[in-house]
Each structure stands twice: as C-alpha cells, then as structure tokens.
Amino acid sequence: MKSVSATIVLLVLLVGHFSGCGSGGPDIASVQGTVTLDGKPLPRADVVFIPTGGRPAAAETDANGKYVLEFSGGRKGAIPGKSRVEINTARPPAANMDGTVTPGAKEMVPAKYNKNTTLVFEVVDGQKNIADFKLESGGKVFQEAGAY
C-alpha cells in the first residue's frame, strides 16, 4: 500500500510540474535595449534585471551597446513588474575552448549603476519592452579586490 501511495504522489507531482510549466517556467516579457556611456555605445557590459520576487534576467551588450535579456533555458525576456537594474563591465580573464585567454576588464561604470544602482525598469507583460540606459561617467567606480 505504501508503494501505491508513493507512486500516486509521484504522478501528481509530475502532472502538476508538466501541466503548469508548458512554457518552461513563469511568464516573462520581451526586454531589449541599448546601453551608452557618455553618449557612446558600451560594449561587453553585463545588464542584469533583478525583480522584487523571482529569478533575475541578464544579457551582455554587443559592440553597439545593444542587448536582449535572457531568462533561463534559452527563454528571452524578464519577469513582468519592477526590476532593479545593474550594469557593469568588470570581468575576470577567461579561458576559451581553443585554449586562448580572453583578457579581463576593469569596471568602467560608476557604482550608481551597479553596486549602488539607482536604475529601475518596469517590465510590462504582453509587450516588447525597450529599456535604453544612457549612463554618464563621474562618481565612484567600484573595483573588486584584485580587479582585472
């Protein structure tokens, strides 16, 4: 009898998991934009949207400062609602698959846009959200210990 109950519980959990997750998780909305620093595109910057409740979404800007947020599992977008936004450029050196090393980068973005961010964006469900950020240099730039 115990094994039948365990099997039923397992089946209920599996049905609940797959019936509620046809899209692979919570509802998300498309978010893309451009990041500039002092009027110039900011390449290779990490853009992270951190919602009040739920998983963050992130992207890296391209050479033109453009980005498209990714949530998880290849899903593009972010959880609808208000998100705190952090933008930074610091990164450690990284080994590539071909054995070469991509050099690290120091933080170029003032702390008011990352560690002490004042950036907020409201992601609206059911629409293509455009979140452009026009950053200005000046102010404290936070460097991690052992910055690159």
C-alpha atoms as a PDB file:
ATOM      1  CA  MET A   1       0.000   0.000   0.000  1.00  0.00           C
ATOM      2  CA  LYS A   2       2.879   2.341   0.799  1.00  0.00           C
ATOM      3  CA  SER A   3       4.377   1.927  -2.679  1.00  0.00           C
ATOM      4  CA  VAL A   4       0.998   2.664  -4.338  1.00  0.00           C
ATOM      5  CA  SER A   5       0.671   5.884  -2.301  1.00  0.00           C
ATOM      6  CA  ALA A   6       4.212   6.889  -3.190  1.00  0.00           C
ATOM      7  CA  THR A   7       3.512   6.204  -6.875  1.00  0.00           C
ATOM      8  CA  ILE A   8       0.327   8.332  -6.771  1.00  0.00           C
ATOM      9  CA  VAL A   9       2.175  11.193  -5.070  1.00  0.00           C
ATOM     10  CA  LEU A  10       4.930  10.983  -7.689  1.00  0.00           C
ATOM     11  CA  LEU A  11       2.380  11.008 -10.536  1.00  0.00           C
ATOM     12  CA  VAL A  12       0.553  14.028  -9.033  1.00  0.00           C
ATOM     13  CA  LEU A  13       3.844  15.902  -8.710  1.00  0.00           C
ATOM     14  CA  LEU A  14       4.857  15.091 -12.281  1.00  0.00           C
ATOM     15  CA  VAL A  15       1.448  16.066 -13.733  1.00  0.00           C
ATOM     16  CA  GLY A  16       1.496  19.305 -11.730  1.00  0.00           C
ATOM     17  CA  HIS A  17       5.029  20.055 -12.874  1.00  0.00           C
ATOM     18  CA  PHE A  18       4.368  19.494 -16.568  1.00  0.00           C
ATOM     19  CA  SER A  19       0.871  20.980 -16.741  1.00  0.00           C
ATOM     20  CA  GLY A  20       1.939  24.241 -15.125  1.00  0.00           C
ATOM     21  CA  CYS A  21       5.210  24.574 -16.979  1.00  0.00           C
ATOM     22  CA  GLY A  22       4.323  24.312 -20.644  1.00  0.00           C
ATOM     23  CA  SER A  23       6.364  27.454 -21.229  1.00  0.00           C
ATOM     24  CA  GLY A  24       9.255  26.272 -19.064  1.00  0.00           C
ATOM     25  CA  GLY A  25       8.610  28.497 -16.055  1.00  0.00           C
ATOM     26  CA  PRO A  26       6.965  31.765 -15.079  1.00  0.00           C
ATOM     27  CA  ASP A  27       5.512  34.207 -17.585  1.00  0.00           C
ATOM     28  CA  ILE A  28       8.130  36.558 -18.960  1.00  0.00           C
ATOM     29  CA  ALA A  29       8.052  39.556 -21.298  1.00  0.00           C
ATOM     30  CA  SER A  30      10.483  40.562 -24.029  1.00  0.00           C
ATOM     31  CA  VAL A  31      13.114  43.140 -22.997  1.00  0.00           C
ATOM     32  CA  GLN A  32      15.812  44.663 -25.182  1.00  0.00           C
ATOM     33  CA  GLY A  33      17.646  47.928 -25.408  1.00  0.00           C
ATOM     34  CA  THR A  34      20.868  49.850 -25.773  1.00  0.00           C
ATOM     35  CA  VAL A  35      23.403  50.949 -23.162  1.00  0.00           C
ATOM     36  CA  THR A  36      25.570  54.019 -23.710  1.00  0.00           C
ATOM     37  CA  LEU A  37      28.222  55.644 -21.536  1.00  0.00           C
ATOM     38  CA  ASP A  38      28.711  59.364 -22.174  1.00  0.00           C
ATOM     39  CA  GLY A  39      26.774  59.053 -25.425  1.00  0.00           C
ATOM     40  CA  LYS A  40      28.872  56.171 -26.829  1.00  0.00           C
ATOM     41  CA  PRO A  41      27.777  52.510 -27.071  1.00  0.00           C
ATOM     42  CA  LEU A  42      29.019  50.433 -24.124  1.00  0.00           C
ATOM     43  CA  PRO A  43      30.235  47.055 -25.478  1.00  0.00           C
ATOM     44  CA  ARG A  44      30.617  43.880 -23.374  1.00  0.00           C
ATOM     45  CA  ALA A  45      28.644  45.254 -20.445  1.00  0.00           C
ATOM     46  CA  ASP A  46      26.557  42.907 -18.307  1.00  0.00           C
ATOM     47  CA  VAL A  47      22.952  44.075 -17.907  1.00  0.00           C
ATOM     48  CA  VAL A  48      21.024  42.371 -15.086  1.00  0.00           C
ATOM     49  CA  PHE A  49      17.330  42.886 -14.239  1.00  0.00           C
ATOM     50  CA  ILE A  50      16.587  41.827 -10.653  1.00  0.00           C
ATOM     51  CA  PRO A  51      12.847  41.609  -9.895  1.00  0.00           C
ATOM     52  CA  THR A  52      11.447  42.030  -6.390  1.00  0.00           C
ATOM     53  CA  GLY A  53      10.460  38.368  -6.321  1.00  0.00           C
ATOM     54  CA  GLY A  54      11.851  35.848  -8.750  1.00  0.00           C
ATOM     55  CA  ARG A  55      14.807  34.976 -10.887  1.00  0.00           C
ATOM     56  CA  PRO A  56      16.965  37.703 -12.488  1.00  0.00           C
ATOM     57  CA  ALA A  57      17.403  38.000 -16.256  1.00  0.00           C
ATOM     58  CA  ALA A  58      20.669  39.070 -17.876  1.00  0.00           C
ATOM     59  CA  ALA A  59      22.458  39.857 -21.129  1.00  0.00           C
ATOM     60  CA  GLU A  60      25.768  41.104 -22.449  1.00  0.00           C
ATOM     61  CA  THR A  61      25.817  44.108 -24.751  1.00  0.00           C
ATOM     62  CA  ASP A  62      27.254  43.747 -28.240  1.00  0.00           C
ATOM     63  CA  ALA A  63      29.755  46.105 -29.931  1.00  0.00           C
ATOM     64  CA  ASN A  64      26.918  48.616 -30.479  1.00  0.00           C
ATOM     65  CA  GLY A  65      25.751  48.513 -26.845  1.00  0.00           C
ATOM     66  CA  LYS A  66      22.618  46.505 -27.759  1.00  0.00           C
ATOM     67  CA  TYR A  67      21.267  43.650 -25.654  1.00  0.00           C
ATOM     68  CA  VAL A  68      18.350  41.193 -25.421  1.00  0.00           C
ATOM     69  CA  LEU A  69      17.628  39.812 -21.947  1.00  0.00           C
ATOM     70  CA  GLU A  70      17.712  36.052 -21.388  1.00  0.00           C
ATOM     71  CA  PHE A  71      15.760  34.490 -18.548  1.00  0.00           C
ATOM     72  CA  SER A  72      16.736  30.798 -18.489  1.00  0.00           C
ATOM     73  CA  GLY A  73      16.731  27.724 -20.670  1.00  0.00           C
ATOM     74  CA  GLY A  74      17.057  29.805 -23.829  1.00  0.00           C
ATOM     75  CA  ARG A  75      13.945  31.840 -22.993  1.00  0.00           C
ATOM     76  CA  LYS A  76      14.365  35.523 -23.789  1.00  0.00           C
ATOM     77  CA  GLY A  77      12.802  38.147 -21.521  1.00  0.00           C
ATOM     78  CA  ALA A  78      12.275  39.045 -17.867  1.00  0.00           C
ATOM     79  CA  ILE A  79       9.597  38.643 -15.202  1.00  0.00           C
ATOM     80  CA  PRO A  80       6.961  41.401 -15.524  1.00  0.00           C
ATOM     81  CA  GLY A  81       6.981  44.061 -12.822  1.00  0.00           C
ATOM     82  CA  LYS A  82       9.513  46.441 -11.368  1.00  0.00           C
ATOM     83  CA  SER A  83      13.168  45.375 -11.552  1.00  0.00           C
ATOM     84  CA  ARG A  84      16.332  46.878 -10.138  1.00  0.00           C
ATOM     85  CA  VAL A  85      18.876  47.120 -12.964  1.00  0.00           C
ATOM     86  CA  GLU A  86      22.634  46.661 -12.585  1.00  0.00           C
ATOM     87  CA  ILE A  87      25.111  47.355 -15.387  1.00  0.00           C
ATOM     88  CA  ASN A  88      28.808  46.540 -15.105  1.00  0.00           C
ATOM     89  CA  THR A  89      31.876  45.849 -17.206  1.00  0.00           C
ATOM     90  CA  ALA A  90      34.242  44.105 -14.737  1.00  0.00           C
ATOM     91  CA  ARG A  91      35.118  40.544 -15.618  1.00  0.00           C
ATOM     92  CA  PRO A  92      37.968  38.146 -14.862  1.00  0.00           C
ATOM     93  CA  PRO A  93      40.177  36.692 -17.606  1.00  0.00           C
ATOM     94  CA  ALA A  94      38.559  33.628 -19.167  1.00  0.00           C
ATOM     95  CA  ALA A  95      39.985  30.537 -20.859  1.00  0.00           C
ATOM     96  CA  ASN A  96      38.382  29.850 -24.233  1.00  0.00           C
ATOM     97  CA  MET A  97      37.593  26.446 -25.703  1.00  0.00           C
ATOM     98  CA  ASP A  98      40.512  26.810 -28.147  1.00  0.00           C
ATOM     99  CA  GLY A  99      42.999  27.365 -25.304  1.00  0.00           C
ATOM    100  CA  THR A 100      43.358  31.111 -25.780  1.00  0.00           C
ATOM    101  CA  VAL A 101      42.584  33.527 -22.966  1.00  0.00           C
ATOM    102  CA  THR A 102      40.187  36.455 -23.185  1.00  0.00           C
ATOM    103  CA  PRO A 103      41.645  39.226 -21.031  1.00  0.00           C
ATOM    104  CA  GLY A 104      39.736  40.526 -18.047  1.00  0.00           C
ATOM    105  CA  ALA A 105      38.249  44.013 -17.882  1.00  0.00           C
ATOM    106  CA  LYS A 106      38.100  46.671 -15.174  1.00  0.00           C
ATOM    107  CA  GLU A 107      34.874  48.310 -14.112  1.00  0.00           C
ATOM    108  CA  MET A 108      34.156  51.431 -16.164  1.00  0.00           C
ATOM    109  CA  VAL A 109      30.624  52.057 -14.935  1.00  0.00           C
ATOM    110  CA  PRO A 110      30.016  54.201 -11.836  1.00  0.00           C
ATOM    111  CA  ALA A 111      28.665  52.402  -8.752  1.00  0.00           C
ATOM    112  CA  LYS A 112      25.342  54.277  -9.038  1.00  0.00           C
ATOM    113  CA  TYR A 113      24.583  51.958 -11.973  1.00  0.00           C
ATOM    114  CA  ASN A 114      25.721  48.669 -10.382  1.00  0.00           C
ATOM    115  CA  LYS A 115      26.707  48.138  -6.703  1.00  0.00           C
ATOM    116  CA  ASN A 116      24.623  51.154  -5.561  1.00  0.00           C
ATOM    117  CA  THR A 117      22.252  51.181  -8.536  1.00  0.00           C
ATOM    118  CA  THR A 118      19.565  53.801  -8.877  1.00  0.00           C
ATOM    119  CA  LEU A 119      18.299  52.217 -12.101  1.00  0.00           C
ATOM    120  CA  VAL A 120      14.772  50.763 -12.112  1.00  0.00           C
ATOM    121  CA  PHE A 121      12.684  49.500 -15.039  1.00  0.00           C
ATOM    122  CA  GLU A 122       9.049  48.360 -15.132  1.00  0.00           C
ATOM    123  CA  VAL A 123       8.708  45.283 -17.372  1.00  0.00           C
ATOM    124  CA  VAL A 124       5.189  45.250 -18.829  1.00  0.00           C
ATOM    125  CA  ASP A 125       3.602  41.884 -19.614  1.00  0.00           C
ATOM    126  CA  GLY A 126       2.422  41.285 -23.173  1.00  0.00           C
ATOM    127  CA  GLN A 127       4.553  43.914 -24.870  1.00  0.00           C
ATOM    128  CA  LYS A 128       8.024  44.358 -26.332  1.00  0.00           C
ATOM    129  CA  ASN A 129       9.826  46.361 -23.629  1.00  0.00           C
ATOM    130  CA  ILE A 130      12.565  48.741 -24.783  1.00  0.00           C
ATOM    131  CA  ALA A 131      14.932  49.575 -21.921  1.00  0.00           C
ATOM    132  CA  ASP A 132      17.626  52.006 -23.051  1.00  0.00           C
ATOM    133  CA  PHE A 133      20.122  53.231 -20.462  1.00  0.00           C
ATOM    134  CA  LYS A 134      22.098  56.439 -21.051  1.00  0.00           C
ATOM    135  CA  LEU A 135      24.815  56.290 -18.417  1.00  0.00           C
ATOM    136  CA  GLU A 136      27.127  59.159 -17.510  1.00  0.00           C
ATOM    137  CA  SER A 137      30.630  58.740 -16.158  1.00  0.00           C
ATOM    138  CA  GLY A 138      31.604  60.502 -12.956  1.00  0.00           C
ATOM    139  CA  GLY A 139      31.206  59.419  -9.396  1.00  0.00           C
ATOM    140  CA  LYS A 140      32.719  56.467  -7.601  1.00  0.00           C
ATOM    141  CA  VAL A 141      33.602  53.408  -9.700  1.00  0.00           C
ATOM    142  CA  PHE A 142      33.602  50.299  -7.526  1.00  0.00           C
ATOM    143  CA  GLN A 143      36.530  47.951  -8.156  1.00  0.00           C
ATOM    144  CA  GLU A 144      36.519  44.465  -6.656  1.00  0.00           C
ATOM    145  CA  ALA A 145      39.624  43.425  -4.729  1.00  0.00           C
ATOM    146  CA  GLY A 146      42.114  42.028  -7.231  1.00  0.00           C
ATOM    147  CA  ALA A 147      40.429  43.935 -10.092  1.00  0.00           C
ATOM    148  CA  TYR A 148      41.390  42.913 -13.576  1.00  0.00           C
END
